[in-house]
């Protein structure tokens, strides 16, 4: 996944919390929609949430700090 897509969609795993985050302003991009469909087919029961870019970056940083790849 390229850096631009990393800023648009994130598979969040924090302890028992698992969800797919989609950056609100990027949600209509074709590559984001494709990646979201792939993740939803792999994890059909995982909740999806629209978030701001700062929320997305904060979540990615928390995962990196915890040693989980974003």
PDB file of N, CA and C in Angstrom:
ATOM      1  N   UNK A   1       0.862  -1.176   0.000  1.00  0.00           N
ATOM      2  CA  UNK A   1       0.000   0.000   0.000  1.00  0.00           C
ATOM      3  C   UNK A   1       0.904   1.234   0.000  1.00  0.00           C
ATOM      4  N   UNK A   2       0.572   2.201  -0.841  1.00  0.00           N
ATOM      5  CA  UNK A   2       1.438   3.385  -0.907  1.00  0.00           C
ATOM      6  C   UNK A   2       1.109   4.376   0.196  1.00  0.00           C
ATOM      7  N   UNK A   3       1.972   5.377   0.365  1.00  0.00           N
ATOM      8  CA  UNK A   3       1.807   6.340   1.459  1.00  0.00           C
ATOM      9  C   UNK A   3       0.494   7.110   1.363  1.00  0.00           C
ATOM     10  N   UNK A   4       0.074   7.465   0.151  1.00  0.00           N
ATOM     11  CA  UNK A   4      -1.175   8.200  -0.011  1.00  0.00           C
ATOM     12  C   UNK A   4      -2.354   7.363   0.472  1.00  0.00           C
ATOM     13  N   UNK A   5      -2.351   6.088   0.142  1.00  0.00           N
ATOM     14  CA  UNK A   5      -3.422   5.203   0.591  1.00  0.00           C
ATOM     15  C   UNK A   5      -3.336   4.971   2.098  1.00  0.00           C
ATOM     16  N   UNK A   6      -2.116   4.957   2.643  1.00  0.00           N
ATOM     17  CA  UNK A   6      -1.959   4.814   4.095  1.00  0.00           C
ATOM     18  C   UNK A   6      -2.587   5.979   4.851  1.00  0.00           C
ATOM     19  N   UNK A   7      -2.639   7.153   4.242  1.00  0.00           N
ATOM     20  CA  UNK A   7      -3.271   8.313   4.877  1.00  0.00           C
ATOM     21  C   UNK A   7      -4.783   8.308   4.707  1.00  0.00           C
ATOM     22  N   UNK A   8      -5.311   7.340   3.950  1.00  0.00           N
ATOM     23  CA  UNK A   8      -6.736   7.326   3.657  1.00  0.00           C
ATOM     24  C   UNK A   8      -7.488   6.174   4.319  1.00  0.00           C
ATOM     25  N   UNK A   9      -6.810   5.062   4.566  1.00  0.00           N
ATOM     26  CA  UNK A   9      -7.493   3.904   5.139  1.00  0.00           C
ATOM     27  C   UNK A   9      -6.531   3.150   6.056  1.00  0.00           C
ATOM     28  N   UNK A  10      -7.054   2.660   7.173  1.00  0.00           N
ATOM     29  CA  UNK A  10      -6.216   1.998   8.171  1.00  0.00           C
ATOM     30  C   UNK A  10      -6.998   0.868   8.823  1.00  0.00           C
ATOM     31  N   UNK A  11      -6.369  -0.287   8.909  1.00  0.00           N
ATOM     32  CA  UNK A  11      -6.927  -1.400   9.665  1.00  0.00           C
ATOM     33  C   UNK A  11      -6.405  -1.248  11.086  1.00  0.00           C
ATOM     34  N   UNK A  12      -7.245  -0.749  11.971  1.00  0.00           N
ATOM     35  CA  UNK A  12      -6.853  -0.420  13.341  1.00  0.00           C
ATOM     36  C   UNK A  12      -6.959  -1.656  14.225  1.00  0.00           C
ATOM     37  N   UNK A  13      -5.883  -1.974  14.905  1.00  0.00           N
ATOM     38  CA  UNK A  13      -5.893  -3.052  15.892  1.00  0.00           C
ATOM     39  C   UNK A  13      -5.234  -2.526  17.156  1.00  0.00           C
ATOM     40  N   UNK A  14      -6.048  -2.318  18.177  1.00  0.00           N
ATOM     41  CA  UNK A  14      -5.573  -1.842  19.475  1.00  0.00           C
ATOM     42  C   UNK A  14      -6.152  -2.764  20.541  1.00  0.00           C
ATOM     43  N   UNK A  15      -5.364  -3.706  20.999  1.00  0.00           N
ATOM     44  CA  UNK A  15      -5.857  -4.653  21.992  1.00  0.00           C
ATOM     45  C   UNK A  15      -7.049  -5.421  21.457  1.00  0.00           C
ATOM     46  N   UNK A  16      -8.174  -5.306  22.134  1.00  0.00           N
ATOM     47  CA  UNK A  16      -9.402  -5.979  21.715  1.00  0.00           C
ATOM     48  C   UNK A  16     -10.191  -5.187  20.671  1.00  0.00           C
ATOM     49  N   UNK A  17      -9.758  -3.972  20.408  1.00  0.00           N
ATOM     50  CA  UNK A  17     -10.472  -3.085  19.473  1.00  0.00           C
ATOM     51  C   UNK A  17      -9.933  -3.283  18.059  1.00  0.00           C
ATOM     52  N   UNK A  18     -10.826  -3.595  17.146  1.00  0.00           N
ATOM     53  CA  UNK A  18     -10.470  -3.766  15.740  1.00  0.00           C
ATOM     54  C   UNK A  18     -11.510  -3.046  14.895  1.00  0.00           C
ATOM     55  N   UNK A  19     -11.056  -2.162  14.017  1.00  0.00           N
ATOM     56  CA  UNK A  19     -11.971  -1.485  13.111  1.00  0.00           C
ATOM     57  C   UNK A  19     -11.215  -0.941  11.910  1.00  0.00           C
ATOM     58  N   UNK A  20     -11.948  -0.660  10.869  1.00  0.00           N
ATOM     59  CA  UNK A  20     -11.382  -0.079   9.658  1.00  0.00           C
ATOM     60  C   UNK A  20     -11.683   1.417   9.695  1.00  0.00           C
ATOM     61  N   UNK A  21     -10.632   2.214   9.635  1.00  0.00           N
ATOM     62  CA  UNK A  21     -10.794   3.670   9.627  1.00  0.00           C
ATOM     63  C   UNK A  21     -10.613   4.184   8.203  1.00  0.00           C
ATOM     64  N   UNK A  22     -11.504   5.062   7.787  1.00  0.00           N
ATOM     65  CA  UNK A  22     -11.435   5.680   6.465  1.00  0.00           C
ATOM     66  C   UNK A  22     -11.435   7.186   6.660  1.00  0.00           C
ATOM     67  N   UNK A  23     -10.445   7.854   6.097  1.00  0.00           N
ATOM     68  CA  UNK A  23     -10.349   9.308   6.214  1.00  0.00           C
ATOM     69  C   UNK A  23     -11.479   9.939   5.398  1.00  0.00           C
ATOM     70  N   UNK A  24     -12.262  10.763   6.041  1.00  0.00           N
ATOM     71  CA  UNK A  24     -13.489  11.322   5.472  1.00  0.00           C
ATOM     72  C   UNK A  24     -13.283  11.952   4.100  1.00  0.00           C
ATOM     73  N   UNK A  25     -12.272  12.755   3.942  1.00  0.00           N
ATOM     74  CA  UNK A  25     -12.069  13.476   2.686  1.00  0.00           C
ATOM     75  C   UNK A  25     -11.550  12.594   1.556  1.00  0.00           C
ATOM     76  N   UNK A  26     -11.103  11.383   1.868  1.00  0.00           N
ATOM     77  CA  UNK A  26     -10.540  10.488   0.853  1.00  0.00           C
ATOM     78  C   UNK A  26     -11.481   9.333   0.504  1.00  0.00           C
ATOM     79  N   UNK A  27     -12.621   9.258   1.133  1.00  0.00           N
ATOM     80  CA  UNK A  27     -13.492   8.079   1.018  1.00  0.00           C
ATOM     81  C   UNK A  27     -14.020   7.809  -0.378  1.00  0.00           C
ATOM     82  N   UNK A  28     -14.075   8.817  -1.235  1.00  0.00           N
ATOM     83  CA  UNK A  28     -14.630   8.615  -2.577  1.00  0.00           C
ATOM     84  C   UNK A  28     -13.577   8.235  -3.617  1.00  0.00           C
ATOM     85  N   UNK A  29     -12.307   8.226  -3.242  1.00  0.00           N
ATOM     86  CA  UNK A  29     -11.251   7.839  -4.183  1.00  0.00           C
ATOM     87  C   UNK A  29     -11.391   6.372  -4.571  1.00  0.00           C
ATOM     88  N   UNK A  30     -11.163   6.071  -5.838  1.00  0.00           N
ATOM     89  CA  UNK A  30     -11.315   4.695  -6.344  1.00  0.00           C
ATOM     90  C   UNK A  30     -10.386   3.718  -5.630  1.00  0.00           C
ATOM     91  N   UNK A  31      -9.120   4.112  -5.381  1.00  0.00           N
ATOM     92  CA  UNK A  31      -8.197   3.188  -4.715  1.00  0.00           C
ATOM     93  C   UNK A  31      -8.587   2.933  -3.269  1.00  0.00           C
ATOM     94  N   UNK A  32      -9.164   3.942  -2.614  1.00  0.00           N
ATOM     95  CA  UNK A  32      -9.637   3.775  -1.237  1.00  0.00           C
ATOM     96  C   UNK A  32     -10.851   2.843  -1.228  1.00  0.00           C
ATOM     97  N   UNK A  33     -11.771   3.047  -2.156  1.00  0.00           N
ATOM     98  CA  UNK A  33     -12.940   2.175  -2.254  1.00  0.00           C
ATOM     99  C   UNK A  33     -12.536   0.727  -2.540  1.00  0.00           C
ATOM    100  N   UNK A  34     -11.555   0.536  -3.422  1.00  0.00           N
ATOM    101  CA  UNK A  34     -11.062  -0.811  -3.726  1.00  0.00           C
ATOM    102  C   UNK A  34     -10.458  -1.464  -2.490  1.00  0.00           C
ATOM    103  N   UNK A  35      -9.618  -0.722  -1.782  1.00  0.00           N
ATOM    104  CA  UNK A  35      -8.984  -1.270  -0.575  1.00  0.00           C
ATOM    105  C   UNK A  35     -10.036  -1.558   0.496  1.00  0.00           C
ATOM    106  N   UNK A  36     -11.021  -0.686   0.651  1.00  0.00           N
ATOM    107  CA  UNK A  36     -12.080  -0.903   1.623  1.00  0.00           C
ATOM    108  C   UNK A  36     -12.861  -2.181   1.294  1.00  0.00           C
ATOM    109  N   UNK A  37     -13.192  -2.378   0.028  1.00  0.00           N
ATOM    110  CA  UNK A  37     -13.913  -3.590  -0.372  1.00  0.00           C
ATOM    111  C   UNK A  37     -13.083  -4.839  -0.086  1.00  0.00           C
ATOM    112  N   UNK A  38     -11.783  -4.770  -0.315  1.00  0.00           N
ATOM    113  CA  UNK A  38     -10.901  -5.902  -0.015  1.00  0.00           C
ATOM    114  C   UNK A  38     -10.905  -6.198   1.477  1.00  0.00           C
ATOM    115  N   UNK A  39     -10.746  -5.156   2.290  1.00  0.00           N
ATOM    116  CA  UNK A  39     -10.748  -5.351   3.742  1.00  0.00           C
ATOM    117  C   UNK A  39     -12.088  -5.882   4.239  1.00  0.00           C
ATOM    118  N   UNK A  40     -13.190  -5.378   3.686  1.00  0.00           N
ATOM    119  CA  UNK A  40     -14.506  -5.846   4.109  1.00  0.00           C
ATOM    120  C   UNK A  40     -14.748  -7.299   3.716  1.00  0.00           C
ATOM    121  N   UNK A  41     -14.165  -7.731   2.604  1.00  0.00           N
ATOM    122  CA  UNK A  41     -14.316  -9.141   2.230  1.00  0.00           C
ATOM    123  C   UNK A  41     -13.446 -10.030   3.115  1.00  0.00           C
ATOM    124  N   UNK A  42     -12.298  -9.520   3.547  1.00  0.00           N
ATOM    125  CA  UNK A  42     -11.419 -10.276   4.447  1.00  0.00           C
ATOM    126  C   UNK A  42     -11.933 -10.272   5.881  1.00  0.00           C
ATOM    127  N   UNK A  43     -12.542  -9.175   6.308  1.00  0.00           N
ATOM    128  CA  UNK A  43     -13.025  -8.998   7.683  1.00  0.00           C
ATOM    129  C   UNK A  43     -14.478  -8.510   7.669  1.00  0.00           C
ATOM    130  N   UNK A  44     -15.416  -9.372   7.284  1.00  0.00           N
ATOM    131  CA  UNK A  44     -16.799  -8.913   7.079  1.00  0.00           C
ATOM    132  C   UNK A  44     -17.502  -8.397   8.339  1.00  0.00           C
ATOM    133  N   UNK A  45     -17.059  -8.802   9.507  1.00  0.00           N
ATOM    134  CA  UNK A  45     -17.722  -8.366  10.739  1.00  0.00           C
ATOM    135  C   UNK A  45     -17.043  -7.168  11.403  1.00  0.00           C
ATOM    136  N   UNK A  46     -15.985  -6.656  10.780  1.00  0.00           N
ATOM    137  CA  UNK A  46     -15.246  -5.553  11.382  1.00  0.00           C
ATOM    138  C   UNK A  46     -15.963  -4.228  11.100  1.00  0.00           C
ATOM    139  N   UNK A  47     -16.176  -3.422  12.135  1.00  0.00           N
ATOM    140  CA  UNK A  47     -16.841  -2.126  11.916  1.00  0.00           C
ATOM    141  C   UNK A  47     -15.946  -1.163  11.136  1.00  0.00           C
ATOM    142  N   UNK A  48     -16.589  -0.274  10.413  1.00  0.00           N
ATOM    143  CA  UNK A  48     -15.911   0.750   9.623  1.00  0.00           C
ATOM    144  C   UNK A  48     -16.351   2.116  10.145  1.00  0.00           C
ATOM    145  N   UNK A  49     -15.369   3.029  10.233  1.00  0.00           N
ATOM    146  CA  UNK A  49     -15.687   4.361  10.765  1.00  0.00           C
ATOM    147  C   UNK A  49     -14.977   5.418   9.937  1.00  0.00           C
ATOM    148  N   UNK A  50     -15.695   6.504   9.605  1.00  0.00           N
ATOM    149  CA  UNK A  50     -15.096   7.659   8.941  1.00  0.00           C
ATOM    150  C   UNK A  50     -14.462   8.546   9.996  1.00  0.00           C
ATOM    151  N   UNK A  51     -13.224   8.980   9.729  1.00  0.00           N
ATOM    152  CA  UNK A  51     -12.490   9.797  10.689  1.00  0.00           C
ATOM    153  C   UNK A  51     -11.787  10.946   9.976  1.00  0.00           C
ATOM    154  N   UNK A  52     -11.366  11.929  10.748  1.00  0.00           N
ATOM    155  CA  UNK A  52     -10.581  13.032  10.199  1.00  0.00           C
ATOM    156  C   UNK A  52      -9.143  12.556   9.962  1.00  0.00           C
ATOM    157  N   UNK A  53      -8.407  13.336   9.195  1.00  0.00           N
ATOM    158  CA  UNK A  53      -7.012  12.995   8.927  1.00  0.00           C
ATOM    159  C   UNK A  53      -6.217  12.948  10.228  1.00  0.00           C
ATOM    160  N   UNK A  54      -6.460  13.879  11.137  1.00  0.00           N
ATOM    161  CA  UNK A  54      -5.711  13.889  12.399  1.00  0.00           C
ATOM    162  C   UNK A  54      -6.035  12.650  13.237  1.00  0.00           C
ATOM    163  N   UNK A  55      -7.294  12.209  13.241  1.00  0.00           N
ATOM    164  CA  UNK A  55      -7.644  10.974  13.955  1.00  0.00           C
ATOM    165  C   UNK A  55      -6.932   9.773  13.338  1.00  0.00           C
ATOM    166  N   UNK A  56      -6.872   9.737  12.006  1.00  0.00           N
ATOM    167  CA  UNK A  56      -6.198   8.651  11.298  1.00  0.00           C
ATOM    168  C   UNK A  56      -4.709   8.634  11.660  1.00  0.00           C
ATOM    169  N   UNK A  57      -4.079   9.794  11.637  1.00  0.00           N
ATOM    170  CA  UNK A  57      -2.658   9.882  11.968  1.00  0.00           C
ATOM    171  C   UNK A  57      -2.400   9.508  13.422  1.00  0.00           C
ATOM    172  N   UNK A  58      -3.264   9.931  14.329  1.00  0.00           N
ATOM    173  CA  UNK A  58      -3.121   9.570  15.745  1.00  0.00           C
ATOM    174  C   UNK A  58      -3.228   8.056  15.939  1.00  0.00           C
ATOM    175  N   UNK A  59      -4.179   7.429  15.269  1.00  0.00           N
ATOM    176  CA  UNK A  59      -4.361   5.976  15.383  1.00  0.00           C
ATOM    177  C   UNK A  59      -3.146   5.241  14.832  1.00  0.00           C
ATOM    178  N   UNK A  60      -2.622   5.686  13.691  1.00  0.00           N
ATOM    179  CA  UNK A  60      -1.438   5.059  13.108  1.00  0.00           C
ATOM    180  C   UNK A  60      -0.232   5.215  14.033  1.00  0.00           C
ATOM    181  N   UNK A  61      -0.104   6.371  14.653  1.00  0.00           N
ATOM    182  CA  UNK A  61       1.010   6.605  15.581  1.00  0.00           C
ATOM    183  C   UNK A  61       0.881   5.699  16.806  1.00  0.00           C
ATOM    184  N   UNK A  62      -0.328   5.575  17.355  1.00  0.00           N
ATOM    185  CA  UNK A  62      -0.535   4.689  18.509  1.00  0.00           C
ATOM    186  C   UNK A  62      -0.166   3.247  18.164  1.00  0.00           C
ATOM    187  N   UNK A  63      -0.553   2.815  16.967  1.00  0.00           N
ATOM    188  CA  UNK A  63      -0.233   1.454  16.547  1.00  0.00           C
ATOM    189  C   UNK A  63       1.273   1.279  16.393  1.00  0.00           C
ATOM    190  N   UNK A  64       1.936   2.279  15.805  1.00  0.00           N
ATOM    191  CA  UNK A  64       3.391   2.210  15.632  1.00  0.00           C
ATOM    192  C   UNK A  64       4.092   2.199  16.988  1.00  0.00           C
ATOM    193  N   UNK A  65       3.628   3.025  17.908  1.00  0.00           N
ATOM    194  CA  UNK A  65       4.214   3.076  19.250  1.00  0.00           C
ATOM    195  C   UNK A  65       4.025   1.762  19.995  1.00  0.00           C
ATOM    196  N   UNK A  66       2.903   1.073  19.703  1.00  0.00           N
ATOM    197  CA  UNK A  66       2.609  -0.204  20.355  1.00  0.00           C
ATOM    198  C   UNK A  66       3.302  -1.371  19.651  1.00  0.00           C
ATOM    199  N   UNK A  67       3.958  -1.069  18.509  1.00  0.00           N
ATOM    200  CA  UNK A  67       4.662  -2.128  17.790  1.00  0.00           C
ATOM    201  C   UNK A  67       3.798  -2.902  16.821  1.00  0.00           C
ATOM    202  N   UNK A  68       2.638  -2.342  16.456  1.00  0.00           N
ATOM    203  CA  UNK A  68       1.752  -2.957  15.480  1.00  0.00           C
ATOM    204  C   UNK A  68       1.872  -2.185  14.186  1.00  0.00           C
ATOM    205  N   UNK A  69       2.122  -2.883  13.070  1.00  0.00           N
ATOM    206  CA  UNK A  69       2.251  -2.204  11.782  1.00  0.00           C
ATOM    207  C   UNK A  69       0.950  -1.575  11.370  1.00  0.00           C
ATOM    208  N   UNK A  70       1.043  -0.356  10.862  1.00  0.00           N
ATOM    209  CA  UNK A  70      -0.151   0.339  10.363  1.00  0.00           C
ATOM    210  C   UNK A  70      -0.351   0.052   8.902  1.00  0.00           C
TER     211      UNK A  70
END
